[in-house]
Amino acid sequence: MIRIWSVVWALGATSFLVSLGCSKSVDKGKILTVQGPITLDQLGKTLSHEHVLVDFIGAEESGYHRWDRDVVVETMLPRLQELRTLGYQSLFECTPAFLGRDPRLLRRLSELSGLHLVTNTGYYGARQNKFIPSEVQNWSIEQLSDMWIREFREGIEDTGVRPGFMKIGVDREETLSPLHEKLVRAACRAHLATGMTIASHTGATPVVFEIERVLKSEGVDPEAFIWVHATRDLPDNLIRAARSGMWISIDNLRDNANLLRANVERVVALKEAGLLDRVLVSQDAGWYRPGEEDGGKKAPYTFVENALLPALEKAGLSDDDLTQLMVTNPARAYRIEVRSSP
């Protein structure tokens, strides 16, 4: 089973790591890939929210024994290579720990495909905490943040692969549960110590603005936060969140004409509000599923390139606008840099 390899350390950790600040200051203003740091201009054309492998069996049963890396590479490498031929240089892999995160697999795929891949730290509380081990749910804010800081500084387990951002998840409820508020506060404290951006699978709009309140109470500028799966909310809510500084992630797109049209309208509304510089677009694809025949049904990484970008261009976005969405914004959103507020 995937377990926190240093549970004993984390349970006994103190918060002194946070007080040290971002000890890896050499990383400031860079992107941390599975093969090491790169400069922002090396990131290039980017998909900002995708997956390679996701294991939905639950935290208590998931682990590296559930998949054969050779088989996953054979299945997923051609899809990543296809993306490379389309001119993409980077992909942010958003599968958290206990849900199928595999840094060795990602490093191997990065080496073979030529793509910069970026993995994460953090825990995913959505789906009623099924993907957080019961003992970890009882950790304090400090224990959670110290674990994520440790992975940033020393690498995940014994791989030497360091996360480039935090991925957390909260349920689609009206308010944050006590555990989910704890996840957000822990992510804030880890951000202030490392500069990692916080990306959150986020529920209903009221929760988004409750998260904004928590960010500010912890001294974190909302510019350090990505509202993941903002794909089905009202443009006015997206505009309000973007004006606060949050990044708006238009993702989890599929071959659906109505969904495509609605999200072109969302992006256009944000552009007309002067907020295109707060927008990320991706499709939340990939999804090799352990335990299913041939890894289950896998979504291609090509919908953004083949459908969304042409539709945005038809709606009036310029080449410069598309470059901002696919090159400039991901680099700015995911850069390693502490973004604090009073």
Protein backbone atom coordinates (compact mmCIF):
# COMPACT_ATOMS: atom_id res chain seq x y z
CA MET A 1 0.00 0.00 0.00
CA ILE A 2 1.07 3.57 -0.55
CA ARG A 3 1.64 4.88 2.94
CA ILE A 4 3.36 8.02 4.08
CA TRP A 5 6.90 6.67 4.14
CA SER A 6 7.86 8.84 7.06
CA VAL A 7 4.74 8.75 9.22
CA VAL A 8 6.78 8.50 12.36
CA TRP A 9 8.77 11.58 11.39
CA ALA A 10 5.65 13.55 10.48
CA LEU A 11 3.75 12.67 13.63
CA GLY A 12 6.68 13.86 15.71
CA ALA A 13 7.60 16.86 13.59
CA THR A 14 7.64 20.37 14.93
CA SER A 15 6.79 23.47 12.98
CA PHE A 16 10.38 24.70 12.84
CA LEU A 17 10.50 23.97 9.10
CA VAL A 18 7.90 26.64 8.44
CA SER A 19 9.89 29.24 10.34
CA LEU A 20 12.89 28.61 8.08
CA GLY A 21 11.02 30.01 5.09
CA CYS A 22 11.79 28.85 1.56
CA SER A 23 15.18 27.28 2.12
CA LYS A 24 15.33 26.25 -1.54
CA SER A 25 15.60 29.91 -2.57
CA VAL A 26 17.45 28.81 -5.70
CA ASP A 27 14.02 27.57 -6.94
CA LYS A 28 12.35 30.97 -6.71
CA GLY A 29 10.81 31.97 -10.00
CA LYS A 30 11.29 28.51 -11.51
CA ILE A 31 9.12 25.49 -12.27
CA LEU A 32 9.92 22.22 -10.50
CA THR A 33 9.58 19.28 -12.90
CA VAL A 34 10.08 15.59 -12.12
CA GLN A 35 13.55 15.95 -13.65
CA GLY A 36 14.45 19.09 -11.73
CA PRO A 37 13.92 22.86 -11.92
CA ILE A 38 13.53 24.73 -15.21
CA THR A 39 13.15 28.41 -15.99
CA LEU A 40 9.75 29.86 -16.86
CA ASP A 41 10.68 30.33 -20.50
CA GLN A 42 11.57 26.64 -20.75
CA LEU A 43 8.03 25.59 -19.81
CA GLY A 44 6.59 26.47 -23.21
CA LYS A 45 3.14 25.45 -24.38
CA THR A 46 1.48 23.74 -21.44
CA LEU A 47 -1.49 21.70 -20.32
CA SER A 48 -2.03 22.83 -16.75
CA HIS A 49 -4.33 20.12 -15.38
CA GLU A 50 -4.04 16.53 -16.59
CA HIS A 51 -3.53 12.98 -15.29
CA VAL A 52 -1.54 9.93 -16.34
CA LEU A 53 -2.81 7.33 -13.86
CA VAL A 54 -5.59 7.59 -11.27
CA ASP A 55 -6.45 4.79 -8.81
CA PHE A 56 -9.94 5.15 -7.35
CA ILE A 57 -9.84 2.15 -5.02
CA GLY A 58 -9.24 4.32 -1.95
CA ALA A 59 -6.31 5.26 0.27
CA GLU A 60 -6.40 2.13 2.39
CA GLU A 61 -5.86 -0.20 -0.58
CA SER A 62 -4.00 1.83 -3.21
CA GLY A 63 -0.30 1.36 -3.78
CA TYR A 64 2.38 0.77 -6.37
CA HIS A 65 1.51 -2.95 -6.37
CA ARG A 66 -1.72 -2.02 -8.15
CA TRP A 67 -0.07 -1.28 -11.50
CA ASP A 68 2.81 -2.41 -13.67
CA ARG A 69 4.88 0.62 -14.66
CA ASP A 70 6.03 -1.04 -17.88
CA VAL A 71 2.43 -1.58 -18.97
CA VAL A 72 1.43 1.98 -18.05
CA VAL A 73 4.39 3.37 -19.99
CA GLU A 74 3.50 1.27 -23.02
CA THR A 75 -0.09 2.54 -22.86
CA MET A 76 0.40 6.21 -22.01
CA LEU A 77 3.69 7.10 -23.72
CA PRO A 78 2.19 7.28 -27.25
CA ARG A 79 -0.43 9.73 -25.96
CA LEU A 80 2.24 11.96 -24.47
CA GLN A 81 4.36 11.71 -27.60
CA GLU A 82 1.34 12.78 -29.67
CA LEU A 83 1.05 15.84 -27.46
CA ARG A 84 4.71 16.61 -28.07
CA THR A 85 4.18 16.51 -31.84
CA LEU A 86 1.41 19.10 -31.41
CA GLY A 87 3.96 21.54 -30.02
CA TYR A 88 3.37 21.07 -26.30
CA GLN A 89 6.36 21.08 -24.02
CA SER A 90 4.88 20.62 -20.54
CA LEU A 91 2.09 18.93 -18.61
CA PHE A 92 1.06 19.29 -14.97
CA GLU A 93 0.09 15.87 -13.59
CA CYS A 94 -2.50 16.49 -10.87
CA THR A 95 -2.92 13.02 -9.31
CA PRO A 96 -2.38 13.35 -5.54
CA ALA A 97 -0.82 10.91 -3.09
CA PHE A 98 -3.06 7.91 -2.26
CA LEU A 99 -4.84 8.35 -5.61
CA GLY A 100 -2.12 6.98 -7.85
CA ARG A 101 0.70 9.52 -7.72
CA ASP A 102 3.84 7.73 -8.93
CA PRO A 103 6.94 9.95 -9.24
CA ARG A 104 9.11 7.18 -10.70
CA LEU A 105 6.55 6.51 -13.43
CA LEU A 106 6.30 10.22 -14.25
CA ARG A 107 10.05 10.69 -14.38
CA ARG A 108 10.37 7.76 -16.78
CA LEU A 109 7.58 9.08 -19.00
CA SER A 110 9.16 12.53 -19.00
CA GLU A 111 12.51 11.12 -20.08
CA LEU A 112 10.96 9.04 -22.87
CA SER A 113 8.47 11.62 -24.18
CA GLY A 114 10.60 14.75 -23.97
CA LEU A 115 7.80 16.53 -22.08
CA HIS A 116 8.36 18.43 -18.86
CA LEU A 117 6.08 16.71 -16.32
CA VAL A 118 5.30 18.27 -12.95
CA THR A 119 3.93 16.33 -9.97
CA ASN A 120 2.46 17.51 -6.68
CA THR A 121 2.21 17.18 -2.93
CA GLY A 122 -0.92 17.56 -0.79
CA TYR A 123 -3.97 15.43 0.01
CA TYR A 124 -7.32 15.11 -1.76
CA GLY A 125 -10.28 15.42 0.58
CA ALA A 126 -13.09 15.34 -1.99
CA ARG A 127 -15.41 12.31 -2.17
CA GLN A 128 -15.77 12.36 1.61
CA ASN A 129 -12.07 11.85 2.32
CA LYS A 130 -11.89 8.41 0.74
CA PHE A 131 -8.40 9.19 -0.54
CA ILE A 132 -6.83 10.26 2.75
CA PRO A 133 -5.80 7.50 5.20
CA SER A 134 -7.73 7.60 8.45
CA GLU A 135 -4.64 8.27 10.56
CA VAL A 136 -3.64 11.18 8.34
CA GLN A 137 -7.10 12.70 8.73
CA ASN A 138 -6.28 13.12 12.41
CA TRP A 139 -3.05 15.03 11.80
CA SER A 140 -2.79 18.64 12.87
CA ILE A 141 -2.39 21.55 10.47
CA GLU A 142 1.31 21.64 11.35
CA GLN A 143 1.82 17.91 10.73
CA LEU A 144 0.17 18.17 7.32
CA SER A 145 2.11 21.24 6.25
CA ASP A 146 5.39 19.84 7.55
CA MET A 147 4.94 16.70 5.43
CA TRP A 148 4.33 18.74 2.27
CA ILE A 149 7.27 21.02 3.06
CA ARG A 150 9.48 17.97 3.60
CA GLU A 151 8.51 16.52 0.21
CA PHE A 152 9.31 19.85 -1.44
CA ARG A 153 12.73 20.07 0.19
CA GLU A 154 13.84 16.44 0.19
CA GLY A 155 11.76 14.77 -2.49
CA ILE A 156 8.87 12.30 -2.47
CA GLU A 157 9.77 9.14 -0.55
CA ASP A 158 13.25 8.09 -1.68
CA THR A 159 12.87 9.08 -5.34
CA GLY A 160 14.55 12.48 -5.27
CA VAL A 161 11.57 13.77 -7.28
CA ARG A 162 10.30 17.02 -5.82
CA PRO A 163 6.74 18.32 -6.21
CA GLY A 164 6.20 21.53 -8.14
CA PHE A 165 2.85 22.48 -6.59
CA MET A 166 0.24 21.40 -4.05
CA LYS A 167 -2.97 19.57 -5.02
CA ILE A 168 -5.74 19.40 -2.45
CA GLY A 169 -9.45 18.69 -2.78
CA VAL A 170 -12.61 19.71 -0.96
CA ASP A 171 -16.15 18.41 -1.29
CA ARG A 172 -18.94 20.14 -3.18
CA GLU A 173 -20.69 21.47 -0.09
CA GLU A 174 -21.83 24.91 0.98
CA THR A 175 -19.05 25.25 3.56
CA LEU A 176 -15.66 23.73 4.30
CA SER A 177 -15.72 20.79 6.68
CA PRO A 178 -13.29 21.01 9.63
CA LEU A 179 -10.91 18.59 7.85
CA HIS A 180 -11.07 20.47 4.57
CA GLU A 181 -10.44 23.79 6.26
CA LYS A 182 -7.45 22.11 7.88
CA LEU A 183 -6.19 21.06 4.43
CA VAL A 184 -6.51 24.62 3.14
CA ARG A 185 -4.73 26.10 6.16
CA ALA A 186 -1.95 23.52 5.91
CA ALA A 187 -1.53 24.34 2.23
CA CYS A 188 -1.31 28.04 3.08
CA ARG A 189 1.45 27.44 5.60
CA ALA A 190 3.34 25.18 3.20
CA HIS A 191 3.02 27.85 0.51
CA LEU A 192 4.53 30.50 2.77
CA ALA A 193 7.45 28.16 3.50
CA THR A 194 8.09 26.97 -0.06
CA GLY A 195 6.38 29.16 -2.67
CA MET A 196 4.43 26.22 -4.12
CA THR A 197 1.11 27.17 -5.70
CA ILE A 198 -2.06 25.64 -4.23
CA ALA A 199 -4.40 23.94 -6.72
CA SER A 200 -7.68 22.78 -5.24
CA HIS A 201 -10.41 20.54 -6.63
CA THR A 202 -13.14 22.87 -5.47
CA GLY A 203 -16.87 22.56 -5.05
CA ALA A 204 -19.71 25.04 -5.10
CA THR A 205 -18.98 28.75 -5.41
CA PRO A 206 -19.63 29.58 -1.73
CA VAL A 207 -16.77 27.27 -0.84
CA VAL A 208 -14.45 29.13 -3.22
CA PHE A 209 -15.02 32.37 -1.39
CA GLU A 210 -14.72 30.65 1.97
CA ILE A 211 -11.31 29.42 0.79
CA GLU A 212 -10.46 33.02 -0.12
CA ARG A 213 -11.25 34.00 3.47
CA VAL A 214 -8.98 31.25 4.82
CA LEU A 215 -6.15 32.23 2.47
CA LYS A 216 -6.25 35.83 3.62
CA SER A 217 -6.50 34.84 7.29
CA GLU A 218 -3.29 32.82 6.83
CA GLY A 219 -1.53 35.69 5.06
CA VAL A 220 -1.60 34.13 1.59
CA ASP A 221 -2.50 36.19 -1.46
CA PRO A 222 -5.29 34.52 -3.50
CA GLU A 223 -2.92 34.79 -6.48
CA ALA A 224 -1.25 31.66 -5.03
CA PHE A 225 -4.50 29.68 -5.46
CA ILE A 226 -5.95 27.84 -8.49
CA TRP A 227 -9.70 27.18 -8.55
CA VAL A 228 -9.69 23.77 -10.25
CA HIS A 229 -12.79 22.67 -12.20
CA ALA A 230 -14.31 26.12 -12.51
CA THR A 231 -15.82 24.72 -15.70
CA ARG A 232 -19.48 24.77 -14.75
CA ASP A 233 -19.90 27.95 -12.71
CA LEU A 234 -21.46 31.26 -13.67
CA PRO A 235 -19.19 33.77 -15.45
CA ASP A 236 -19.98 36.39 -12.79
CA ASN A 237 -18.60 34.10 -10.08
CA LEU A 238 -15.48 33.41 -12.12
CA ILE A 239 -14.97 37.13 -12.62
CA ARG A 240 -15.38 37.82 -8.91
CA ALA A 241 -12.82 35.13 -8.02
CA ALA A 242 -10.39 36.29 -10.70
CA ARG A 243 -10.63 39.87 -9.45
CA SER A 244 -9.60 38.62 -6.00
CA GLY A 245 -6.42 37.30 -7.64
CA MET A 246 -7.34 33.61 -7.94
CA TRP A 247 -6.45 31.59 -11.02
CA ILE A 248 -9.51 30.24 -12.83
CA SER A 249 -8.91 26.76 -14.25
CA ILE A 250 -11.22 25.90 -17.14
CA ASP A 251 -10.58 22.17 -17.36
CA ASN A 252 -12.29 18.75 -17.25
CA LEU A 253 -13.45 19.28 -20.84
CA ARG A 254 -14.59 16.46 -23.08
CA ASP A 255 -16.03 16.01 -26.57
CA ASN A 256 -19.29 17.70 -25.69
CA ALA A 257 -20.57 20.52 -27.86
CA ASN A 258 -22.66 22.21 -25.15
CA LEU A 259 -19.84 22.08 -22.60
CA LEU A 260 -17.41 23.44 -25.17
CA ARG A 261 -19.70 26.32 -26.12
CA ALA A 262 -20.36 27.22 -22.48
CA ASN A 263 -16.67 27.34 -21.64
CA VAL A 264 -15.77 29.40 -24.68
CA GLU A 265 -18.34 31.86 -23.32
CA ARG A 266 -16.69 31.75 -19.88
CA VAL A 267 -13.24 32.49 -21.29
CA VAL A 268 -14.60 35.28 -23.49
CA ALA A 269 -16.38 36.81 -20.48
CA LEU A 270 -13.14 36.79 -18.50
CA LYS A 271 -11.29 38.38 -21.41
CA GLU A 272 -13.91 41.10 -21.77
CA ALA A 273 -13.55 41.79 -18.04
CA GLY A 274 -9.82 42.30 -18.53
CA LEU A 275 -9.01 39.09 -16.66
CA LEU A 276 -7.59 36.77 -19.31
CA ASP A 277 -4.32 36.92 -17.38
CA ARG A 278 -6.02 34.91 -14.57
CA VAL A 279 -7.19 31.99 -16.75
CA LEU A 280 -5.81 28.49 -17.25
CA VAL A 281 -7.23 25.97 -19.73
CA SER A 282 -6.78 22.21 -19.82
CA GLN A 283 -8.94 19.09 -20.22
CA ASP A 284 -8.33 16.81 -17.21
CA ALA A 285 -7.56 13.86 -19.49
CA GLY A 286 -5.43 10.70 -19.42
CA TRP A 287 -6.83 8.51 -16.65
CA TYR A 288 -5.16 5.09 -16.85
CA ARG A 289 -7.20 3.18 -14.24
CA PRO A 290 -5.55 0.28 -12.40
CA GLY A 291 -7.84 -2.70 -11.95
CA GLU A 292 -9.74 -2.07 -15.18
CA GLU A 293 -9.09 -3.99 -18.39
CA ASP A 294 -6.32 -2.31 -20.40
CA GLY A 295 -6.36 0.56 -17.94
CA GLY A 296 -9.97 1.47 -18.68
CA LYS A 297 -11.21 4.14 -21.05
CA LYS A 298 -8.57 6.82 -21.44
CA ALA A 299 -9.35 10.34 -22.57
CA PRO A 300 -6.96 11.84 -25.17
CA TYR A 301 -4.91 14.93 -24.39
CA THR A 302 -5.90 16.59 -27.67
CA PHE A 303 -9.32 18.19 -27.06
CA VAL A 304 -7.88 21.57 -26.07
CA GLU A 305 -5.70 21.74 -29.15
CA ASN A 306 -8.20 20.34 -31.64
CA ALA A 307 -11.45 21.84 -30.34
CA LEU A 308 -11.14 24.48 -27.60
CA LEU A 309 -8.39 26.65 -29.09
CA PRO A 310 -10.00 26.81 -32.57
CA ALA A 311 -13.33 27.68 -30.93
CA LEU A 312 -11.71 30.44 -28.89
CA GLU A 313 -10.03 31.80 -32.00
CA LYS A 314 -13.38 31.78 -33.81
CA ALA A 315 -14.85 33.67 -30.84
CA GLY A 316 -12.35 36.46 -31.34
CA LEU A 317 -9.28 35.58 -29.28
CA SER A 318 -6.03 36.57 -30.99
CA ASP A 319 -2.83 34.59 -31.34
CA ASP A 320 -1.42 36.66 -28.49
CA ASP A 321 -4.42 35.75 -26.33
CA LEU A 322 -3.92 32.05 -27.01
CA THR A 323 -0.21 32.33 -26.23
CA GLN A 324 -1.13 33.96 -22.94
CA LEU A 325 -3.48 31.09 -22.10
CA MET A 326 -1.18 28.25 -23.08
CA VAL A 327 2.32 29.63 -22.37
CA THR A 328 2.39 32.77 -20.23
CA ASN A 329 -0.33 32.01 -17.68
CA PRO A 330 0.76 28.47 -16.68
CA ALA A 331 4.31 29.68 -16.08
CA ARG A 332 3.11 32.56 -13.90
CA ALA A 333 0.54 30.46 -12.05
CA TYR A 334 2.89 27.61 -11.12
CA ARG A 335 6.11 29.51 -10.52
CA ILE A 336 7.82 28.85 -7.21
CA GLU A 337 7.35 32.11 -5.35
CA VAL A 338 5.84 33.09 -2.02
CA ARG A 339 2.80 35.30 -2.57
CA SER A 340 1.77 36.75 0.76
CA SER A 341 -0.82 39.31 1.83
CA PRO A 342 -1.14 41.35 5.00
